[in-house]
Structure formats: C-alpha cells, structure tokens
Amino acid sequence: MTSRQQTAGRWPHWLHPAAVPKPLRGWVIPVLLLTLWWATFRFGWTSSQLFVPLSKVIDTGVRMAGSGELAHALGASLYRMVLGFVIGTAVGLAVGTALGVSRLLENLIGPTFHTLKQVSLFAWIPLISLWFGLGDLAKIAFLSLAAFFPVVLNTFEGIRSVPRAHLEVARVFAFNPWQVFARVVWPAALPSIFTGVYLALIYAWLATLGAEYLLTSGSGIGNLLVDGREHFWMDQVLLGVLVVGAVGFVLNWSASQLERRLLAWRGHSTAQF
C-alpha cells in the first residue's frame, strides 16, 4: 500500500479532499459563511442592529438592481478602475523597462523612485485632491499611482534577473541590441512583469474603493458603502461588501486564466487560484 493510500485511509469519506470536486473547492468557505449567516438569524443567535439577515441583503440587492442604482454604481467604479489601471500599467511598463535596460537611468531616477514608493499610497490623497479636486480626475490619478508602482518594480526586477547565460547565447548568435531585448530579455522577464500587472489590477480595485470612500464626490460602490454607513443602512453596507468581494474574485480568476494562457510555455502558473 502506498503512502498516499495510507493517508487516504485515515480520512472519513466525507472529509477526504477528493470528496469535493476540484472546481467547487474554492466555494467551500463562502458557502459555509453564508450558511452560518442564515442560521444566525434563523435560530435567533443574535439581535444586534449592526447585523441584518441575509434575506434582507438579497432583497436590497434585487431592489437596487431593479432600479439600476447598483449597476450605475458598479459601472462607475469599474470605469475608473480600468482607466486608472491602463494608465498606471502603461507608464509603469515604460519606466520599469527603461530602468531595467539602462544603468544610467537607474542611477538618475532609481533613488527618487525607491524613495517615493515608501510613501503610503493613501498619503497622496490630500495632494491629489488639491491638484485635481474631488471628481473622477482625482480618482483616476490615484488609481494610476496605485497600479504604477508594482508594475515598475516587477518589470525592473524581471529584466535585471535575466540569466547571464541567456545573454551569452544571444551574443553567440550575434543578435543586435533590439533582438536581444525582444527575443531574450522580454520573454525571460514576462513572468515577473505579469506578476506586477496582476498586483496592479488588484491594487487598482482596492484603491478604487479607497478613493471613493475618501473622495466622496460622484457615484460608485465606495460611495454606496459611505451612504449606507451614514444612514445606518446595514443591508446596503453588507450588499456593498458582497459586491466588492465578488468583483475581486472575478478579477483574480480572470487574471489567473489570462496568465495561464499567455505564459503556458512555462508549464505552470504563479497565480493559481
């Protein structure tokens, strides 16, 4: 009997990991939490005004979805996030690549960049609000900043970590500098670069909520949470939390699938769900 079979024999059938199909394993904890939420009110385990039944949150979601309020708020948040993510990622790729291929630029710009990256992201909010106001322009600038730093860092590290042996092979084949970059450096740096883009996507979504929470002008999921808190509408607050989690799940899953397809030549993904 193999060690795997011996280990499997110690588990009751219903507790064994293989008893749950792989695609459903990520749903175990959410389902358990939702069941506990339902049971808390079904059996009267709490009477706190700071918590509401799941059924009330669902009713609020149906009502807001029917009126278009939920779709409008979510659309506004996603629009800002996508725009800020694209701007921050594009600029981050350019800056990270420049720092990675040029020692001169690294010496000129690197110290300033490494100093600025130590500043807490939300510490930029007062300055951004003074420069751009409290509207969408300020929020998009803040989101671009959130996406910028991880892309620069991971692009720089990816380029600088290319094995020297790969560069030696390129010299043997008499590649010119552009061929070295396009055929050797860039493909070797792609896993690290994608990690930076993946982090930028997550940070941009988190920063979207922070920007809407602190820069309250306009609509969005963050504003939905603020309104719920100010009016003590706990069903709306909890609905907002569920929507935020659902969007985060979709972003994480989408990035994982995209990485698995684009970097299939590596044989595995570093962003497994």
C-alpha atoms as a PDB file:
ATOM      1  CA  MET A   1       0.000   0.000   0.000  1.00  0.00           C
ATOM      2  CA  THR A   2       1.391   3.401  -0.958  1.00  0.00           C
ATOM      3  CA  SER A   3       1.820   6.276   1.492  1.00  0.00           C
ATOM      4  CA  ARG A   4      -0.936   8.185  -0.352  1.00  0.00           C
ATOM      5  CA  GLN A   5      -3.345   5.278   0.112  1.00  0.00           C
ATOM      6  CA  GLN A   6      -2.387   5.005   3.776  1.00  0.00           C
ATOM      7  CA  THR A   7      -3.017   8.739   4.243  1.00  0.00           C
ATOM      8  CA  ALA A   8      -6.331   8.495   2.384  1.00  0.00           C
ATOM      9  CA  GLY A   9      -7.426   5.704   4.675  1.00  0.00           C
ATOM     10  CA  ARG A  10      -7.179   7.950   7.720  1.00  0.00           C
ATOM     11  CA  TRP A  11      -9.858  10.315   6.369  1.00  0.00           C
ATOM     12  CA  PRO A  12     -13.607   9.702   6.656  1.00  0.00           C
ATOM     13  CA  HIS A  13     -15.019   9.609   3.137  1.00  0.00           C
ATOM     14  CA  TRP A  14     -16.983  12.855   3.536  1.00  0.00           C
ATOM     15  CA  LEU A  15     -13.924  14.682   4.896  1.00  0.00           C
ATOM     16  CA  HIS A  16     -11.458  13.487   2.300  1.00  0.00           C
ATOM     17  CA  PRO A  17     -10.198  16.301  -0.010  1.00  0.00           C
ATOM     18  CA  ALA A  18     -11.046  14.207  -3.064  1.00  0.00           C
ATOM     19  CA  ALA A  19     -14.703  14.086  -1.968  1.00  0.00           C
ATOM     20  CA  VAL A  20     -15.139  17.690  -3.154  1.00  0.00           C
ATOM     21  CA  PRO A  21     -14.709  18.211  -6.932  1.00  0.00           C
ATOM     22  CA  LYS A  22     -11.765  20.495  -7.667  1.00  0.00           C
ATOM     23  CA  PRO A  23     -13.835  23.287  -9.330  1.00  0.00           C
ATOM     24  CA  LEU A  24     -16.020  23.509  -6.213  1.00  0.00           C
ATOM     25  CA  ARG A  25     -13.290  23.567  -3.560  1.00  0.00           C
ATOM     26  CA  GLY A  26     -12.979  27.344  -3.642  1.00  0.00           C
ATOM     27  CA  TRP A  27     -16.671  27.646  -2.763  1.00  0.00           C
ATOM     28  CA  VAL A  28     -16.498  25.665   0.476  1.00  0.00           C
ATOM     29  CA  ILE A  29     -15.705  28.567   2.824  1.00  0.00           C
ATOM     30  CA  PRO A  30     -18.116  31.081   1.169  1.00  0.00           C
ATOM     31  CA  VAL A  31     -20.945  28.548   1.354  1.00  0.00           C
ATOM     32  CA  LEU A  32     -20.168  27.781   4.992  1.00  0.00           C
ATOM     33  CA  LEU A  33     -20.115  31.503   5.870  1.00  0.00           C
ATOM     34  CA  LEU A  34     -23.410  32.153   4.073  1.00  0.00           C
ATOM     35  CA  THR A  35     -24.974  29.155   5.825  1.00  0.00           C
ATOM     36  CA  LEU A  36     -23.751  30.420   9.196  1.00  0.00           C
ATOM     37  CA  TRP A  37     -25.120  33.885   8.367  1.00  0.00           C
ATOM     38  CA  TRP A  38     -28.526  32.425   7.538  1.00  0.00           C
ATOM     39  CA  ALA A  39     -28.542  30.187  10.635  1.00  0.00           C
ATOM     40  CA  THR A  40     -27.621  33.091  12.927  1.00  0.00           C
ATOM     41  CA  PHE A  41     -30.978  34.759  12.267  1.00  0.00           C
ATOM     42  CA  ARG A  42     -32.959  31.604  11.606  1.00  0.00           C
ATOM     43  CA  PHE A  43     -32.260  30.318  15.112  1.00  0.00           C
ATOM     44  CA  GLY A  44     -32.106  33.728  16.825  1.00  0.00           C
ATOM     45  CA  TRP A  45     -28.449  33.650  17.829  1.00  0.00           C
ATOM     46  CA  THR A  46     -28.177  37.459  17.666  1.00  0.00           C
ATOM     47  CA  SER A  47     -30.391  40.515  17.897  1.00  0.00           C
ATOM     48  CA  SER A  48     -27.713  43.113  17.125  1.00  0.00           C
ATOM     49  CA  GLN A  49     -28.764  46.076  14.983  1.00  0.00           C
ATOM     50  CA  LEU A  50     -25.298  46.024  13.389  1.00  0.00           C
ATOM     51  CA  PHE A  51     -26.091  42.813  11.536  1.00  0.00           C
ATOM     52  CA  VAL A  52     -29.058  42.045   9.283  1.00  0.00           C
ATOM     53  CA  PRO A  53     -30.451  38.814   7.825  1.00  0.00           C
ATOM     54  CA  LEU A  54     -29.107  37.547   4.524  1.00  0.00           C
ATOM     55  CA  SER A  55     -32.643  37.668   3.108  1.00  0.00           C
ATOM     56  CA  LYS A  56     -32.813  41.418   3.717  1.00  0.00           C
ATOM     57  CA  VAL A  57     -29.491  41.959   1.946  1.00  0.00           C
ATOM     58  CA  ILE A  58     -30.754  39.912  -1.013  1.00  0.00           C
ATOM     59  CA  ASP A  59     -33.988  41.950  -1.110  1.00  0.00           C
ATOM     60  CA  THR A  60     -31.966  45.175  -1.085  1.00  0.00           C
ATOM     61  CA  GLY A  61     -29.770  43.856  -3.883  1.00  0.00           C
ATOM     62  CA  VAL A  62     -32.798  42.924  -6.001  1.00  0.00           C
ATOM     63  CA  ARG A  63     -34.375  46.331  -5.377  1.00  0.00           C
ATOM     64  CA  MET A  64     -31.207  48.269  -6.242  1.00  0.00           C
ATOM     65  CA  ALA A  65     -30.530  46.082  -9.270  1.00  0.00           C
ATOM     66  CA  GLY A  66     -34.087  46.630 -10.490  1.00  0.00           C
ATOM     67  CA  SER A  67     -33.829  50.402 -10.132  1.00  0.00           C
ATOM     68  CA  GLY A  68     -30.447  50.473 -11.889  1.00  0.00           C
ATOM     69  CA  GLU A  69     -28.738  52.061  -8.900  1.00  0.00           C
ATOM     70  CA  LEU A  70     -26.445  49.090  -8.296  1.00  0.00           C
ATOM     71  CA  ALA A  71     -25.424  48.778 -11.948  1.00  0.00           C
ATOM     72  CA  HIS A  72     -24.741  52.515 -12.148  1.00  0.00           C
ATOM     73  CA  ALA A  73     -22.535  52.464  -9.042  1.00  0.00           C
ATOM     74  CA  LEU A  74     -20.649  49.354 -10.140  1.00  0.00           C
ATOM     75  CA  GLY A  75     -20.193  50.682 -13.663  1.00  0.00           C
ATOM     76  CA  ALA A  76     -18.761  53.961 -12.362  1.00  0.00           C
ATOM     77  CA  SER A  77     -16.283  52.114 -10.125  1.00  0.00           C
ATOM     78  CA  LEU A  78     -15.183  49.713 -12.860  1.00  0.00           C
ATOM     79  CA  TYR A  79     -14.768  52.554 -15.358  1.00  0.00           C
ATOM     80  CA  ARG A  80     -12.424  54.410 -13.020  1.00  0.00           C
ATOM     81  CA  MET A  81     -10.544  51.243 -12.126  1.00  0.00           C
ATOM     82  CA  VAL A  82      -9.974  50.164 -15.736  1.00  0.00           C
ATOM     83  CA  LEU A  83      -8.866  53.615 -16.840  1.00  0.00           C
ATOM     84  CA  GLY A  84      -6.512  54.067 -13.883  1.00  0.00           C
ATOM     85  CA  PHE A  85      -5.162  50.523 -14.295  1.00  0.00           C
ATOM     86  CA  VAL A  86      -4.432  51.002 -18.001  1.00  0.00           C
ATOM     87  CA  ILE A  87      -2.706  54.366 -17.486  1.00  0.00           C
ATOM     88  CA  GLY A  88      -0.670  53.220 -14.494  1.00  0.00           C
ATOM     89  CA  THR A  89       0.321  49.930 -16.137  1.00  0.00           C
ATOM     90  CA  ALA A  90       1.366  51.566 -19.421  1.00  0.00           C
ATOM     91  CA  VAL A  91       3.509  54.187 -17.705  1.00  0.00           C
ATOM     92  CA  GLY A  92       4.848  51.593 -15.265  1.00  0.00           C
ATOM     93  CA  LEU A  93       5.934  49.268 -18.078  1.00  0.00           C
ATOM     94  CA  ALA A  94       7.746  52.127 -19.823  1.00  0.00           C
ATOM     95  CA  VAL A  95       9.513  53.325 -16.669  1.00  0.00           C
ATOM     96  CA  GLY A  96      10.345  49.820 -15.435  1.00  0.00           C
ATOM     97  CA  THR A  97      11.757  48.820 -18.810  1.00  0.00           C
ATOM     98  CA  ALA A  98      13.849  51.980 -19.020  1.00  0.00           C
ATOM     99  CA  LEU A  99      15.270  51.443 -15.534  1.00  0.00           C
ATOM    100  CA  GLY A 100      15.931  47.782 -16.284  1.00  0.00           C
ATOM    101  CA  VAL A 101      17.884  48.267 -19.516  1.00  0.00           C
ATOM    102  CA  SER A 102      19.762  51.456 -18.608  1.00  0.00           C
ATOM    103  CA  ARG A 103      22.198  51.697 -15.710  1.00  0.00           C
ATOM    104  CA  LEU A 104      22.382  55.454 -16.278  1.00  0.00           C
ATOM    105  CA  LEU A 105      18.636  55.930 -15.843  1.00  0.00           C
ATOM    106  CA  GLU A 106      18.659  53.648 -12.816  1.00  0.00           C
ATOM    107  CA  ASN A 107      21.332  55.822 -11.205  1.00  0.00           C
ATOM    108  CA  LEU A 108      19.492  59.036 -12.112  1.00  0.00           C
ATOM    109  CA  ILE A 109      15.891  58.039 -11.387  1.00  0.00           C
ATOM    110  CA  GLY A 110      16.183  54.947  -9.207  1.00  0.00           C
ATOM    111  CA  PRO A 111      16.943  56.646  -5.856  1.00  0.00           C
ATOM    112  CA  THR A 112      13.992  59.039  -6.247  1.00  0.00           C
ATOM    113  CA  PHE A 113      11.645  56.248  -7.285  1.00  0.00           C
ATOM    114  CA  HIS A 114      12.665  53.991  -4.404  1.00  0.00           C
ATOM    115  CA  THR A 115      12.067  56.898  -2.024  1.00  0.00           C
ATOM    116  CA  LEU A 116       8.608  57.681  -3.397  1.00  0.00           C
ATOM    117  CA  LYS A 117       7.496  54.054  -3.273  1.00  0.00           C
ATOM    118  CA  GLN A 118       7.952  54.125   0.523  1.00  0.00           C
ATOM    119  CA  VAL A 119       5.240  56.772   0.835  1.00  0.00           C
ATOM    120  CA  SER A 120       1.914  55.223   1.784  1.00  0.00           C
ATOM    121  CA  LEU A 121      -0.468  55.251  -1.158  1.00  0.00           C
ATOM    122  CA  PHE A 122      -3.230  56.984   0.794  1.00  0.00           C
ATOM    123  CA  ALA A 123      -0.802  59.704   1.885  1.00  0.00           C
ATOM    124  CA  TRP A 124      -1.079  61.031  -1.683  1.00  0.00           C
ATOM    125  CA  ILE A 125      -4.823  61.660  -1.325  1.00  0.00           C
ATOM    126  CA  PRO A 126      -4.574  65.211   0.166  1.00  0.00           C
ATOM    127  CA  LEU A 127      -2.112  66.309  -2.512  1.00  0.00           C
ATOM    128  CA  ILE A 128      -4.098  64.723  -5.345  1.00  0.00           C
ATOM    129  CA  SER A 129      -7.328  66.307  -4.096  1.00  0.00           C
ATOM    130  CA  LEU A 130      -5.664  69.738  -4.088  1.00  0.00           C
ATOM    131  CA  TRP A 131      -4.307  69.273  -7.598  1.00  0.00           C
ATOM    132  CA  PHE A 132      -7.287  67.564  -9.254  1.00  0.00           C
ATOM    133  CA  GLY A 133     -10.256  68.251  -6.979  1.00  0.00           C
ATOM    134  CA  LEU A 134     -12.634  65.544  -5.715  1.00  0.00           C
ATOM    135  CA  GLY A 135     -14.053  64.267  -9.002  1.00  0.00           C
ATOM    136  CA  ASP A 136     -13.187  61.456 -11.387  1.00  0.00           C
ATOM    137  CA  LEU A 137      -9.906  63.034 -12.496  1.00  0.00           C
ATOM    138  CA  ALA A 138      -8.513  62.856  -8.961  1.00  0.00           C
ATOM    139  CA  LYS A 139      -9.696  59.271  -8.506  1.00  0.00           C
ATOM    140  CA  ILE A 140      -8.207  58.120 -11.801  1.00  0.00           C
ATOM    141  CA  ALA A 141      -4.898  59.811 -10.939  1.00  0.00           C
ATOM    142  CA  PHE A 142      -4.891  57.997  -7.598  1.00  0.00           C
ATOM    143  CA  LEU A 143      -5.682  54.636  -9.231  1.00  0.00           C
ATOM    144  CA  SER A 144      -2.962  55.172 -11.817  1.00  0.00           C
ATOM    145  CA  LEU A 145      -0.500  55.713  -8.998  1.00  0.00           C
ATOM    146  CA  ALA A 146      -1.686  52.523  -7.286  1.00  0.00           C
ATOM    147  CA  ALA A 147      -1.079  50.493 -10.462  1.00  0.00           C
ATOM    148  CA  PHE A 148       2.180  52.254 -11.350  1.00  0.00           C
ATOM    149  CA  PHE A 149       4.472  51.132  -8.525  1.00  0.00           C
ATOM    150  CA  PRO A 150       4.032  47.325  -8.645  1.00  0.00           C
ATOM    151  CA  VAL A 151       4.412  47.301 -12.431  1.00  0.00           C
ATOM    152  CA  VAL A 152       7.629  49.330 -12.316  1.00  0.00           C
ATOM    153  CA  LEU A 153       9.167  47.207  -9.571  1.00  0.00           C
ATOM    154  CA  ASN A 154       8.340  43.848 -11.133  1.00  0.00           C
ATOM    155  CA  THR A 155       9.313  44.935 -14.641  1.00  0.00           C
ATOM    156  CA  PHE A 156      12.647  46.220 -13.362  1.00  0.00           C
ATOM    157  CA  GLU A 157      13.312  43.066 -11.340  1.00  0.00           C
ATOM    158  CA  GLY A 158      12.262  40.813 -14.220  1.00  0.00           C
ATOM    159  CA  ILE A 159      14.641  42.459 -16.673  1.00  0.00           C
ATOM    160  CA  ARG A 160      17.545  42.565 -14.244  1.00  0.00           C
ATOM    161  CA  SER A 161      17.080  38.918 -13.250  1.00  0.00           C
ATOM    162  CA  VAL A 162      17.518  37.548 -16.788  1.00  0.00           C
ATOM    163  CA  PRO A 163      20.229  34.847 -16.524  1.00  0.00           C
ATOM    164  CA  ARG A 164      23.583  35.898 -17.921  1.00  0.00           C
ATOM    165  CA  ALA A 165      23.787  32.597 -19.808  1.00  0.00           C
ATOM    166  CA  HIS A 166      20.830  33.712 -21.949  1.00  0.00           C
ATOM    167  CA  LEU A 167      22.648  36.895 -22.896  1.00  0.00           C
ATOM    168  CA  GLU A 168      25.779  34.938 -23.746  1.00  0.00           C
ATOM    169  CA  VAL A 169      23.771  32.759 -26.133  1.00  0.00           C
ATOM    170  CA  ALA A 170      22.404  35.915 -27.786  1.00  0.00           C
ATOM    171  CA  ARG A 171      25.953  37.160 -28.320  1.00  0.00           C
ATOM    172  CA  VAL A 172      26.925  33.846 -29.896  1.00  0.00           C
ATOM    173  CA  PHE A 173      24.108  34.310 -32.404  1.00  0.00           C
ATOM    174  CA  ALA A 174      25.256  37.911 -32.987  1.00  0.00           C
ATOM    175  CA  PHE A 175      21.935  39.451 -32.001  1.00  0.00           C
ATOM    176  CA  ASN A 176      21.755  43.235 -32.175  1.00  0.00           C
ATOM    177  CA  PRO A 177      20.528  45.116 -29.051  1.00  0.00           C
ATOM    178  CA  TRP A 178      16.901  45.144 -30.225  1.00  0.00           C
ATOM    179  CA  GLN A 179      16.943  41.405 -30.937  1.00  0.00           C
ATOM    180  CA  VAL A 180      18.497  40.733 -27.534  1.00  0.00           C
ATOM    181  CA  PHE A 181      15.691  42.663 -25.864  1.00  0.00           C
ATOM    182  CA  ALA A 182      12.819  41.297 -27.979  1.00  0.00           C
ATOM    183  CA  ARG A 183      13.921  37.642 -28.165  1.00  0.00           C
ATOM    184  CA  VAL A 184      15.767  37.124 -24.898  1.00  0.00           C
ATOM    185  CA  VAL A 185      15.209  39.784 -22.233  1.00  0.00           C
ATOM    186  CA  TRP A 186      11.492  40.446 -22.671  1.00  0.00           C
ATOM    187  CA  PRO A 187      10.349  36.781 -22.806  1.00  0.00           C
ATOM    188  CA  ALA A 188      12.524  35.902 -19.796  1.00  0.00           C
ATOM    189  CA  ALA A 189      11.122  38.862 -17.833  1.00  0.00           C
ATOM    190  CA  LEU A 190       7.466  38.192 -18.721  1.00  0.00           C
ATOM    191  CA  PRO A 191       6.601  36.080 -15.634  1.00  0.00           C
ATOM    192  CA  SER A 192       7.795  38.835 -13.305  1.00  0.00           C
ATOM    193  CA  ILE A 193       6.140  41.518 -15.423  1.00  0.00           C
ATOM    194  CA  PHE A 194       2.840  39.665 -15.357  1.00  0.00           C
ATOM    195  CA  THR A 195       3.071  39.405 -11.574  1.00  0.00           C
ATOM    196  CA  GLY A 196       3.391  43.194 -11.461  1.00  0.00           C
ATOM    197  CA  VAL A 197       0.397  43.641 -13.777  1.00  0.00           C
ATOM    198  CA  TYR A 198      -1.604  41.172 -11.688  1.00  0.00           C
ATOM    199  CA  LEU A 199      -0.783  43.094  -8.493  1.00  0.00           C
ATOM    200  CA  ALA A 200      -1.603  46.372 -10.233  1.00  0.00           C
ATOM    201  CA  LEU A 201      -5.058  45.032 -11.116  1.00  0.00           C
ATOM    202  CA  ILE A 202      -5.778  44.051  -7.511  1.00  0.00           C
ATOM    203  CA  TYR A 203      -4.317  47.273  -6.074  1.00  0.00           C
ATOM    204  CA  ALA A 204      -6.328  49.347  -8.561  1.00  0.00           C
ATOM    205  CA  TRP A 205      -9.576  47.738  -7.411  1.00  0.00           C
ATOM    206  CA  LEU A 206      -8.724  48.225  -3.730  1.00  0.00           C
ATOM    207  CA  ALA A 207      -7.647  51.800  -4.407  1.00  0.00           C
ATOM    208  CA  THR A 208     -10.932  52.422  -6.255  1.00  0.00           C
ATOM    209  CA  LEU A 209     -12.863  51.770  -3.065  1.00  0.00           C
ATOM    210  CA  GLY A 210     -10.448  53.867  -1.012  1.00  0.00           C
ATOM    211  CA  ALA A 211     -10.661  56.768  -3.452  1.00  0.00           C
ATOM    212  CA  GLU A 212     -14.458  56.685  -3.499  1.00  0.00           C
ATOM    213  CA  TYR A 213     -14.525  56.452   0.280  1.00  0.00           C
ATOM    214  CA  LEU A 214     -12.211  59.439   0.791  1.00  0.00           C
ATOM    215  CA  LEU A 215     -13.049  61.471  -2.329  1.00  0.00           C
ATOM    216  CA  THR A 216     -16.810  61.254  -1.910  1.00  0.00           C
ATOM    217  CA  SER A 217     -17.866  63.227  -4.990  1.00  0.00           C
ATOM    218  CA  GLY A 218     -19.702  61.131  -7.602  1.00  0.00           C
ATOM    219  CA  SER A 219     -21.120  57.614  -7.559  1.00  0.00           C
ATOM    220  CA  GLY A 220     -19.563  54.208  -7.072  1.00  0.00           C
ATOM    221  CA  ILE A 221     -19.533  51.150  -4.840  1.00  0.00           C
ATOM    222  CA  GLY A 222     -17.423  53.024  -2.300  1.00  0.00           C
ATOM    223  CA  ASN A 223     -19.993  55.811  -2.209  1.00  0.00           C
ATOM    224  CA  LEU A 224     -22.677  53.160  -1.737  1.00  0.00           C
ATOM    225  CA  LEU A 225     -20.838  51.955   1.358  1.00  0.00           C
ATOM    226  CA  VAL A 226     -20.457  55.515   2.657  1.00  0.00           C
ATOM    227  CA  ASP A 227     -24.171  56.252   2.205  1.00  0.00           C
ATOM    228  CA  GLY A 228     -25.081  53.015   3.969  1.00  0.00           C
ATOM    229  CA  ARG A 229     -22.814  53.819   6.897  1.00  0.00           C
ATOM    230  CA  GLU A 230     -24.070  57.392   7.269  1.00  0.00           C
ATOM    231  CA  HIS A 231     -27.735  56.343   7.222  1.00  0.00           C
ATOM    232  CA  PHE A 232     -27.148  53.161   9.215  1.00  0.00           C
ATOM    233  CA  TRP A 233     -28.436  51.011   6.343  1.00  0.00           C
ATOM    234  CA  MET A 234     -26.582  47.829   7.244  1.00  0.00           C
ATOM    235  CA  ASP A 235     -28.255  45.860   4.454  1.00  0.00           C
ATOM    236  CA  GLN A 236     -26.750  48.279   1.924  1.00  0.00           C
ATOM    237  CA  VAL A 237     -23.346  48.146   3.609  1.00  0.00           C
ATOM    238  CA  LEU A 238     -23.293  44.340   3.582  1.00  0.00           C
ATOM    239  CA  LEU A 239     -24.527  44.295  -0.009  1.00  0.00           C
ATOM    240  CA  GLY A 240     -21.623  46.560  -0.951  1.00  0.00           C
ATOM    241  CA  VAL A 241     -19.175  44.241   0.811  1.00  0.00           C
ATOM    242  CA  LEU A 242     -20.549  41.230  -1.093  1.00  0.00           C
ATOM    243  CA  VAL A 243     -20.306  43.072  -4.414  1.00  0.00           C
ATOM    244  CA  VAL A 244     -16.725  44.135  -3.669  1.00  0.00           C
ATOM    245  CA  GLY A 245     -15.784  40.545  -2.850  1.00  0.00           C
ATOM    246  CA  ALA A 246     -17.487  39.204  -5.974  1.00  0.00           C
ATOM    247  CA  VAL A 247     -15.689  41.680  -8.237  1.00  0.00           C
ATOM    248  CA  GLY A 248     -12.377  40.876  -6.546  1.00  0.00           C
ATOM    249  CA  PHE A 249     -12.995  37.167  -7.148  1.00  0.00           C
ATOM    250  CA  VAL A 250     -13.752  37.749 -10.841  1.00  0.00           C
ATOM    251  CA  LEU A 251     -10.635  39.900 -11.277  1.00  0.00           C
ATOM    252  CA  ASN A 252      -8.449  37.324  -9.552  1.00  0.00           C
ATOM    253  CA  TRP A 253      -9.887  34.443 -11.579  1.00  0.00           C
ATOM    254  CA  SER A 254      -9.647  36.359 -14.872  1.00  0.00           C
ATOM    255  CA  ALA A 255      -6.015  37.326 -14.257  1.00  0.00           C
ATOM    256  CA  SER A 256      -5.146  33.723 -13.363  1.00  0.00           C
ATOM    257  CA  GLN A 257      -6.749  32.388 -16.539  1.00  0.00           C
ATOM    258  CA  LEU A 258      -5.085  35.032 -18.695  1.00  0.00           C
ATOM    259  CA  GLU A 259      -1.668  34.300 -17.207  1.00  0.00           C
ATOM    260  CA  ARG A 260      -2.172  30.565 -17.676  1.00  0.00           C
ATOM    261  CA  ARG A 261      -2.878  31.098 -21.373  1.00  0.00           C
ATOM    262  CA  LEU A 262      -0.244  33.739 -22.131  1.00  0.00           C
ATOM    263  CA  LEU A 263       2.539  32.021 -20.204  1.00  0.00           C
ATOM    264  CA  ALA A 264       1.594  28.429 -20.970  1.00  0.00           C
ATOM    265  CA  TRP A 265       5.156  27.792 -22.192  1.00  0.00           C
ATOM    266  CA  ARG A 266       6.335  27.814 -18.568  1.00  0.00           C
ATOM    267  CA  GLY A 267       4.261  24.745 -17.801  1.00  0.00           C
ATOM    268  CA  HIS A 268       2.584  26.240 -14.728  1.00  0.00           C
ATOM    269  CA  SER A 269       1.154  29.496 -13.399  1.00  0.00           C
ATOM    270  CA  THR A 270       2.362  31.580 -10.487  1.00  0.00           C
ATOM    271  CA  ALA A 271      -1.145  32.962  -9.962  1.00  0.00           C
ATOM    272  CA  GLN A 272      -3.030  29.748  -9.302  1.00  0.00           C
ATOM    273  CA  PHE A 273      -6.499  30.192  -7.840  1.00  0.00           C
END
